[in-house]
Amino acid sequence: MIRVLLVDDQPLIRSGFRALLDAEDDIEVVAEASNGAEGVARAREHRPDIALVDVQMPEVDGIEATRRIAADPDLAGTHVVIVTNYGLDEYVFHALKAGAAGFLVKDVEPEDFLHAVRVAARGDALLAPSITRRLIDRYVSQPPRPKQCLDQLTNREREALVLVARGLSNDEIAAAMVISPLTAKTHVNRAMAKLHARDRAQLVVIAYESGLVVPRPSERG
């Protein structure tokens, strides 16, 4: 069972999400919160698998709430997915840097929304295609950071990191590298551990920031 926390200052939004999620056999909404501070408290109380967090909220916004959840060792199993009306670069960038596992806009189709919850629960990075393009555009417009942080990775771990940044799942990485899915998962997990990345979303950020992955022309919009 996937346990979900809803954090949004609009009761109508929360009730809509709850109705959609609770109708699924494998998903349960365990708590709700109307602002970021309350959201962090509910997360610590219920230890959900997923926290669906709005960006703009009173008192403590979604970015700061994400940062507090990601920094809490007791909440290492909680994946934050930012949900907002705004597909803006700064929100995406700061949310991922704060430790978000993904980013969705509120006009997403119901089936895509449910798929997103399940993807995030598996620990995979989740970004809507339109958000991914904006994120890539940001890295195109700035010089890459030094690659020294990647020196500790093996060649296979670097290869896996590149494929994670391209949006591939573990099964797809396994096929591309001609290895088993278990070995692919091991390479990804070791890269996460060595780079101190909380999840795959942060691996994507590191790959682009370091310049290891250069956006292809077709990805630039």
C-alpha atoms as a PDB file:
ATOM      1  CA  MET A   1       0.000   0.000   0.000  1.00  0.00           C
ATOM      2  CA  ILE A   2       1.327   3.440  -1.000  1.00  0.00           C
ATOM      3  CA  ARG A   3       0.735   5.903   1.843  1.00  0.00           C
ATOM      4  CA  VAL A   4       0.248   9.531   0.732  1.00  0.00           C
ATOM      5  CA  LEU A   5       0.299  12.888   2.515  1.00  0.00           C
ATOM      6  CA  LEU A   6      -1.481  15.840   0.842  1.00  0.00           C
ATOM      7  CA  VAL A   7      -0.067  19.312   1.519  1.00  0.00           C
ATOM      8  CA  ASP A   8      -2.020  22.158  -0.102  1.00  0.00           C
ATOM      9  CA  ASP A   9      -3.655  25.308   1.254  1.00  0.00           C
ATOM     10  CA  GLN A  10      -6.761  24.825  -0.919  1.00  0.00           C
ATOM     11  CA  PRO A  11      -9.304  22.405   0.632  1.00  0.00           C
ATOM     12  CA  LEU A  12     -10.968  21.794  -2.739  1.00  0.00           C
ATOM     13  CA  ILE A  13      -7.668  20.657  -4.255  1.00  0.00           C
ATOM     14  CA  ARG A  14      -6.978  18.334  -1.331  1.00  0.00           C
ATOM     15  CA  SER A  15     -10.456  16.810  -1.456  1.00  0.00           C
ATOM     16  CA  GLY A  16     -10.152  16.228  -5.198  1.00  0.00           C
ATOM     17  CA  PHE A  17      -6.777  14.540  -4.829  1.00  0.00           C
ATOM     18  CA  ARG A  18      -8.046  12.452  -1.910  1.00  0.00           C
ATOM     19  CA  ALA A  19     -11.077  11.228  -3.835  1.00  0.00           C
ATOM     20  CA  LEU A  20      -8.899  10.233  -6.778  1.00  0.00           C
ATOM     21  CA  LEU A  21      -6.242   8.500  -4.678  1.00  0.00           C
ATOM     22  CA  ASP A  22      -8.517   6.727  -2.203  1.00  0.00           C
ATOM     23  CA  ALA A  23     -10.411   5.136  -5.091  1.00  0.00           C
ATOM     24  CA  GLU A  24      -7.274   3.102  -5.898  1.00  0.00           C
ATOM     25  CA  ASP A  25      -6.722  -0.259  -4.199  1.00  0.00           C
ATOM     26  CA  ASP A  26      -2.988   0.276  -3.720  1.00  0.00           C
ATOM     27  CA  ILE A  27      -3.017   3.912  -2.516  1.00  0.00           C
ATOM     28  CA  GLU A  28      -4.156   5.411   0.796  1.00  0.00           C
ATOM     29  CA  VAL A  29      -4.214   9.077   1.879  1.00  0.00           C
ATOM     30  CA  VAL A  30      -3.013   9.020   5.493  1.00  0.00           C
ATOM     31  CA  ALA A  31      -3.077  12.749   6.292  1.00  0.00           C
ATOM     32  CA  GLU A  32      -3.633  16.271   4.985  1.00  0.00           C
ATOM     33  CA  ALA A  33      -2.028  19.624   5.758  1.00  0.00           C
ATOM     34  CA  SER A  34      -2.856  23.213   4.766  1.00  0.00           C
ATOM     35  CA  ASN A  35       0.659  24.702   4.907  1.00  0.00           C
ATOM     36  CA  GLY A  36       4.282  23.655   4.775  1.00  0.00           C
ATOM     37  CA  ALA A  37       4.946  23.665   8.505  1.00  0.00           C
ATOM     38  CA  GLU A  38       1.913  21.498   9.166  1.00  0.00           C
ATOM     39  CA  GLY A  39       2.952  19.285   6.276  1.00  0.00           C
ATOM     40  CA  VAL A  40       6.357  18.614   7.820  1.00  0.00           C
ATOM     41  CA  ALA A  41       4.708  17.815  11.162  1.00  0.00           C
ATOM     42  CA  ARG A  42       2.241  15.402   9.523  1.00  0.00           C
ATOM     43  CA  ALA A  43       5.103  13.783   7.607  1.00  0.00           C
ATOM     44  CA  ARG A  44       6.983  13.148  10.842  1.00  0.00           C
ATOM     45  CA  GLU A  45       3.826  11.791  12.450  1.00  0.00           C
ATOM     46  CA  HIS A  46       2.710   9.457   9.657  1.00  0.00           C
ATOM     47  CA  ARG A  47       5.950   8.656   7.740  1.00  0.00           C
ATOM     48  CA  PRO A  48       4.180   8.556   4.323  1.00  0.00           C
ATOM     49  CA  ASP A  49       5.723   7.044   1.206  1.00  0.00           C
ATOM     50  CA  ILE A  50       4.737  10.101  -0.850  1.00  0.00           C
ATOM     51  CA  ALA A  51       4.147  13.736   0.100  1.00  0.00           C
ATOM     52  CA  LEU A  52       2.283  15.688  -2.585  1.00  0.00           C
ATOM     53  CA  VAL A  53       3.272  19.261  -1.801  1.00  0.00           C
ATOM     54  CA  ASP A  54       1.993  22.528  -3.276  1.00  0.00           C
ATOM     55  CA  VAL A  55       4.610  25.230  -3.953  1.00  0.00           C
ATOM     56  CA  GLN A  56       2.870  28.426  -2.861  1.00  0.00           C
ATOM     57  CA  MET A  57       1.425  28.161   0.657  1.00  0.00           C
ATOM     58  CA  PRO A  58       1.200  30.470   3.677  1.00  0.00           C
ATOM     59  CA  GLU A  59       3.723  30.445   6.548  1.00  0.00           C
ATOM     60  CA  VAL A  60       6.079  27.836   5.068  1.00  0.00           C
ATOM     61  CA  ASP A  61       6.072  27.281   1.299  1.00  0.00           C
ATOM     62  CA  GLY A  62       6.461  23.984  -0.500  1.00  0.00           C
ATOM     63  CA  ILE A  63      10.152  24.436  -1.264  1.00  0.00           C
ATOM     64  CA  GLU A  64      11.067  24.948   2.389  1.00  0.00           C
ATOM     65  CA  ALA A  65       8.777  22.098   3.449  1.00  0.00           C
ATOM     66  CA  THR A  66      10.530  19.862   0.927  1.00  0.00           C
ATOM     67  CA  ARG A  67      13.913  20.924   2.257  1.00  0.00           C
ATOM     68  CA  ARG A  68      12.916  20.083   5.838  1.00  0.00           C
ATOM     69  CA  ILE A  69      11.502  16.686   4.891  1.00  0.00           C
ATOM     70  CA  ALA A  70      14.540  15.792   2.787  1.00  0.00           C
ATOM     71  CA  ALA A  71      16.909  16.837   5.590  1.00  0.00           C
ATOM     72  CA  ASP A  72      15.197  14.663   8.205  1.00  0.00           C
ATOM     73  CA  PRO A  73      16.906  11.230   8.451  1.00  0.00           C
ATOM     74  CA  ASP A  74      13.715   9.745   9.875  1.00  0.00           C
ATOM     75  CA  LEU A  75      11.910  10.667   6.635  1.00  0.00           C
ATOM     76  CA  ALA A  76      14.404   9.074   4.252  1.00  0.00           C
ATOM     77  CA  GLY A  77      11.599   6.871   2.920  1.00  0.00           C
ATOM     78  CA  THR A  78       9.319   9.805   2.083  1.00  0.00           C
ATOM     79  CA  HIS A  79       9.453  11.029  -1.519  1.00  0.00           C
ATOM     80  CA  VAL A  80       8.234  14.584  -2.134  1.00  0.00           C
ATOM     81  CA  VAL A  81       6.417  15.381  -5.369  1.00  0.00           C
ATOM     82  CA  ILE A  82       5.831  19.100  -5.931  1.00  0.00           C
ATOM     83  CA  VAL A  83       2.384  19.849  -7.385  1.00  0.00           C
ATOM     84  CA  THR A  84       1.658  23.343  -8.665  1.00  0.00           C
ATOM     85  CA  ASN A  85      -0.126  25.462 -11.264  1.00  0.00           C
ATOM     86  CA  TYR A  86       3.172  26.968 -12.336  1.00  0.00           C
ATOM     87  CA  GLY A  87       5.654  25.217 -14.629  1.00  0.00           C
ATOM     88  CA  LEU A  88       8.397  27.750 -13.956  1.00  0.00           C
ATOM     89  CA  ASP A  89      12.150  27.193 -14.073  1.00  0.00           C
ATOM     90  CA  GLU A  90      12.930  28.580 -10.635  1.00  0.00           C
ATOM     91  CA  TYR A  91      10.311  26.419  -8.928  1.00  0.00           C
ATOM     92  CA  VAL A  92      11.604  23.303 -10.678  1.00  0.00           C
ATOM     93  CA  PHE A  93      15.230  24.073  -9.984  1.00  0.00           C
ATOM     94  CA  HIS A  94      14.772  24.955  -6.309  1.00  0.00           C
ATOM     95  CA  ALA A  95      12.380  22.063  -5.675  1.00  0.00           C
ATOM     96  CA  LEU A  96      14.839  19.519  -7.039  1.00  0.00           C
ATOM     97  CA  LYS A  97      17.744  21.126  -5.198  1.00  0.00           C
ATOM     98  CA  ALA A  98      15.674  20.980  -2.009  1.00  0.00           C
ATOM     99  CA  GLY A  99      15.232  17.236  -2.462  1.00  0.00           C
ATOM    100  CA  ALA A 100      11.991  16.773  -4.395  1.00  0.00           C
ATOM    101  CA  ALA A 101      11.644  13.464  -6.222  1.00  0.00           C
ATOM    102  CA  GLY A 102       9.493  15.004  -8.926  1.00  0.00           C
ATOM    103  CA  PHE A 103       7.383  17.864 -10.170  1.00  0.00           C
ATOM    104  CA  LEU A 104       3.845  17.867 -11.602  1.00  0.00           C
ATOM    105  CA  VAL A 105       1.498  20.573 -12.833  1.00  0.00           C
ATOM    106  CA  LYS A 106      -2.075  20.493 -11.513  1.00  0.00           C
ATOM    107  CA  ASP A 107      -3.689  20.189 -14.942  1.00  0.00           C
ATOM    108  CA  VAL A 108      -2.210  16.702 -15.395  1.00  0.00           C
ATOM    109  CA  GLU A 109      -4.666  14.002 -16.515  1.00  0.00           C
ATOM    110  CA  PRO A 110      -6.002  11.793 -13.660  1.00  0.00           C
ATOM    111  CA  GLU A 111      -4.380   8.627 -15.020  1.00  0.00           C
ATOM    112  CA  ASP A 112      -1.035  10.438 -15.339  1.00  0.00           C
ATOM    113  CA  PHE A 113      -1.410  11.747 -11.806  1.00  0.00           C
ATOM    114  CA  LEU A 114      -1.946   8.243 -10.431  1.00  0.00           C
ATOM    115  CA  HIS A 115       0.957   6.924 -12.491  1.00  0.00           C
ATOM    116  CA  ALA A 116       3.128   9.697 -11.051  1.00  0.00           C
ATOM    117  CA  VAL A 117       2.368   8.653  -7.492  1.00  0.00           C
ATOM    118  CA  ARG A 118       3.320   5.064  -8.250  1.00  0.00           C
ATOM    119  CA  VAL A 119       6.515   6.073 -10.078  1.00  0.00           C
ATOM    120  CA  ALA A 120       7.618   8.288  -7.192  1.00  0.00           C
ATOM    121  CA  ALA A 121       6.817   5.539  -4.684  1.00  0.00           C
ATOM    122  CA  ARG A 122       9.286   3.283  -6.525  1.00  0.00           C
ATOM    123  CA  GLY A 123      11.956   5.913  -5.995  1.00  0.00           C
ATOM    124  CA  ASP A 124      12.185   6.921  -9.655  1.00  0.00           C
ATOM    125  CA  ALA A 125      12.591  10.547 -10.724  1.00  0.00           C
ATOM    126  CA  LEU A 126       9.409  12.128 -12.006  1.00  0.00           C
ATOM    127  CA  LEU A 127       9.235  15.196 -14.231  1.00  0.00           C
ATOM    128  CA  ALA A 128       6.485  16.177 -16.630  1.00  0.00           C
ATOM    129  CA  PRO A 129       7.875  16.479 -20.198  1.00  0.00           C
ATOM    130  CA  SER A 130       7.230  20.243 -20.321  1.00  0.00           C
ATOM    131  CA  ILE A 131       9.043  20.672 -17.008  1.00  0.00           C
ATOM    132  CA  THR A 132      11.983  18.576 -18.210  1.00  0.00           C
ATOM    133  CA  ARG A 133      12.437  20.861 -21.238  1.00  0.00           C
ATOM    134  CA  ARG A 134      12.466  23.962 -19.037  1.00  0.00           C
ATOM    135  CA  LEU A 135      14.941  22.351 -16.660  1.00  0.00           C
ATOM    136  CA  ILE A 136      17.259  21.424 -19.535  1.00  0.00           C
ATOM    137  CA  ASP A 137      16.986  24.942 -20.964  1.00  0.00           C
ATOM    138  CA  ARG A 138      18.277  26.284 -17.656  1.00  0.00           C
ATOM    139  CA  TYR A 139      21.419  24.168 -17.861  1.00  0.00           C
ATOM    140  CA  VAL A 140      21.963  25.125 -21.502  1.00  0.00           C
ATOM    141  CA  SER A 141      22.074  28.785 -20.492  1.00  0.00           C
ATOM    142  CA  GLN A 142      24.749  28.402 -17.828  1.00  0.00           C
ATOM    143  CA  PRO A 143      28.303  26.992 -17.822  1.00  0.00           C
ATOM    144  CA  PRO A 144      28.648  23.488 -16.383  1.00  0.00           C
ATOM    145  CA  ARG A 145      30.179  22.951 -12.989  1.00  0.00           C
ATOM    146  CA  PRO A 146      33.477  21.043 -12.654  1.00  0.00           C
ATOM    147  CA  LYS A 147      33.282  17.258 -13.045  1.00  0.00           C
ATOM    148  CA  GLN A 148      35.533  16.537 -10.093  1.00  0.00           C
ATOM    149  CA  CYS A 149      32.600  15.280  -8.055  1.00  0.00           C
ATOM    150  CA  LEU A 150      32.231  12.405 -10.521  1.00  0.00           C
ATOM    151  CA  ASP A 151      35.813  11.147 -10.189  1.00  0.00           C
ATOM    152  CA  GLN A 152      34.798   8.566  -7.595  1.00  0.00           C
ATOM    153  CA  LEU A 153      32.390   6.828  -9.984  1.00  0.00           C
ATOM    154  CA  THR A 154      33.383   3.812 -12.041  1.00  0.00           C
ATOM    155  CA  ASN A 155      32.906   3.956 -15.800  1.00  0.00           C
ATOM    156  CA  ARG A 156      29.792   1.781 -15.563  1.00  0.00           C
ATOM    157  CA  GLU A 157      28.349   3.956 -12.821  1.00  0.00           C
ATOM    158  CA  ARG A 158      28.930   7.038 -14.986  1.00  0.00           C
ATOM    159  CA  GLU A 159      27.233   5.321 -17.880  1.00  0.00           C
ATOM    160  CA  ALA A 160      24.255   4.499 -15.684  1.00  0.00           C
ATOM    161  CA  LEU A 161      24.152   8.097 -14.435  1.00  0.00           C
ATOM    162  CA  VAL A 162      23.961   9.401 -18.000  1.00  0.00           C
ATOM    163  CA  LEU A 163      21.067   7.073 -18.740  1.00  0.00           C
ATOM    164  CA  VAL A 164      19.243   8.106 -15.561  1.00  0.00           C
ATOM    165  CA  ALA A 165      19.597  11.730 -16.661  1.00  0.00           C
ATOM    166  CA  ARG A 166      18.104  10.762 -20.035  1.00  0.00           C
ATOM    167  CA  GLY A 167      15.025   9.539 -18.185  1.00  0.00           C
ATOM    168  CA  LEU A 168      15.515   5.778 -18.536  1.00  0.00           C
ATOM    169  CA  SER A 169      14.115   3.300 -16.031  1.00  0.00           C
ATOM    170  CA  ASN A 170      16.282   0.550 -14.512  1.00  0.00           C
ATOM    171  CA  ASP A 171      14.946  -1.969 -17.036  1.00  0.00           C
ATOM    172  CA  GLU A 172      15.768   0.394 -19.911  1.00  0.00           C
ATOM    173  CA  ILE A 173      19.225   1.071 -18.467  1.00  0.00           C
ATOM    174  CA  ALA A 174      19.803  -2.680 -18.250  1.00  0.00           C
ATOM    175  CA  ALA A 175      18.870  -3.116 -21.898  1.00  0.00           C
ATOM    176  CA  ALA A 176      21.071  -0.209 -23.014  1.00  0.00           C
ATOM    177  CA  MET A 177      24.083  -1.453 -21.018  1.00  0.00           C
ATOM    178  CA  VAL A 178      23.399  -5.148 -21.788  1.00  0.00           C
ATOM    179  CA  ILE A 179      23.286  -6.103 -18.122  1.00  0.00           C
ATOM    180  CA  SER A 180      20.618  -7.455 -15.789  1.00  0.00           C
ATOM    181  CA  PRO A 181      18.064  -5.081 -14.198  1.00  0.00           C
ATOM    182  CA  LEU A 182      19.496  -5.955 -10.779  1.00  0.00           C
ATOM    183  CA  THR A 183      22.994  -4.928 -11.886  1.00  0.00           C
ATOM    184  CA  ALA A 184      21.610  -1.731 -13.391  1.00  0.00           C
ATOM    185  CA  LYS A 185      19.892  -0.925 -10.101  1.00  0.00           C
ATOM    186  CA  THR A 186      23.152  -1.601  -8.259  1.00  0.00           C
ATOM    187  CA  HIS A 187      25.083   0.834 -10.487  1.00  0.00           C
ATOM    188  CA  VAL A 188      22.425   3.528  -9.956  1.00  0.00           C
ATOM    189  CA  ASN A 189      22.310   2.987  -6.188  1.00  0.00           C
ATOM    190  CA  ARG A 190      26.100   3.121  -5.897  1.00  0.00           C
ATOM    191  CA  ALA A 191      26.174   6.356  -7.885  1.00  0.00           C
ATOM    192  CA  MET A 192      23.539   7.801  -5.559  1.00  0.00           C
ATOM    193  CA  ALA A 193      25.525   6.764  -2.502  1.00  0.00           C
ATOM    194  CA  LYS A 194      28.852   8.117  -3.775  1.00  0.00           C
ATOM    195  CA  LEU A 195      27.314  11.430  -4.882  1.00  0.00           C
ATOM    196  CA  HIS A 196      25.197  11.734  -1.723  1.00  0.00           C
ATOM    197  CA  ALA A 197      22.055  12.023  -3.837  1.00  0.00           C
ATOM    198  CA  ARG A 198      18.754  11.468  -2.055  1.00  0.00           C
ATOM    199  CA  ASP A 199      17.079  10.008  -5.140  1.00  0.00           C
ATOM    200  CA  ARG A 200      17.183   9.755  -8.934  1.00  0.00           C
ATOM    201  CA  ALA A 201      15.910  13.309  -9.373  1.00  0.00           C
ATOM    202  CA  GLN A 202      19.032  14.634  -7.677  1.00  0.00           C
ATOM    203  CA  LEU A 203      21.161  12.398  -9.885  1.00  0.00           C
ATOM    204  CA  VAL A 204      19.600  14.174 -12.874  1.00  0.00           C
ATOM    205  CA  VAL A 205      20.535  17.561 -11.403  1.00  0.00           C
ATOM    206  CA  ILE A 206      24.129  16.434 -10.743  1.00  0.00           C
ATOM    207  CA  ALA A 207      24.506  15.011 -14.244  1.00  0.00           C
ATOM    208  CA  TYR A 208      23.520  18.294 -15.875  1.00  0.00           C
ATOM    209  CA  GLU A 209      25.292  20.574 -13.385  1.00  0.00           C
ATOM    210  CA  SER A 210      28.562  18.707 -13.844  1.00  0.00           C
ATOM    211  CA  GLY A 211      28.299  18.802 -17.613  1.00  0.00           C
ATOM    212  CA  LEU A 212      28.410  15.004 -17.815  1.00  0.00           C
ATOM    213  CA  VAL A 213      25.164  15.177 -19.763  1.00  0.00           C
ATOM    214  CA  VAL A 214      24.838  17.790 -22.488  1.00  0.00           C
ATOM    215  CA  PRO A 215      21.287  18.441 -23.731  1.00  0.00           C
ATOM    216  CA  ARG A 216      20.654  17.240 -27.248  1.00  0.00           C
ATOM    217  CA  PRO A 217      19.340  19.794 -29.765  1.00  0.00           C
ATOM    218  CA  SER A 218      15.958  18.082 -29.802  1.00  0.00           C
ATOM    219  CA  GLU A 219      15.682  18.489 -26.008  1.00  0.00           C
ATOM    220  CA  ARG A 220      16.178  22.220 -26.077  1.00  0.00           C
ATOM    221  CA  GLY A 221      12.610  23.021 -26.992  1.00  0.00           C
END
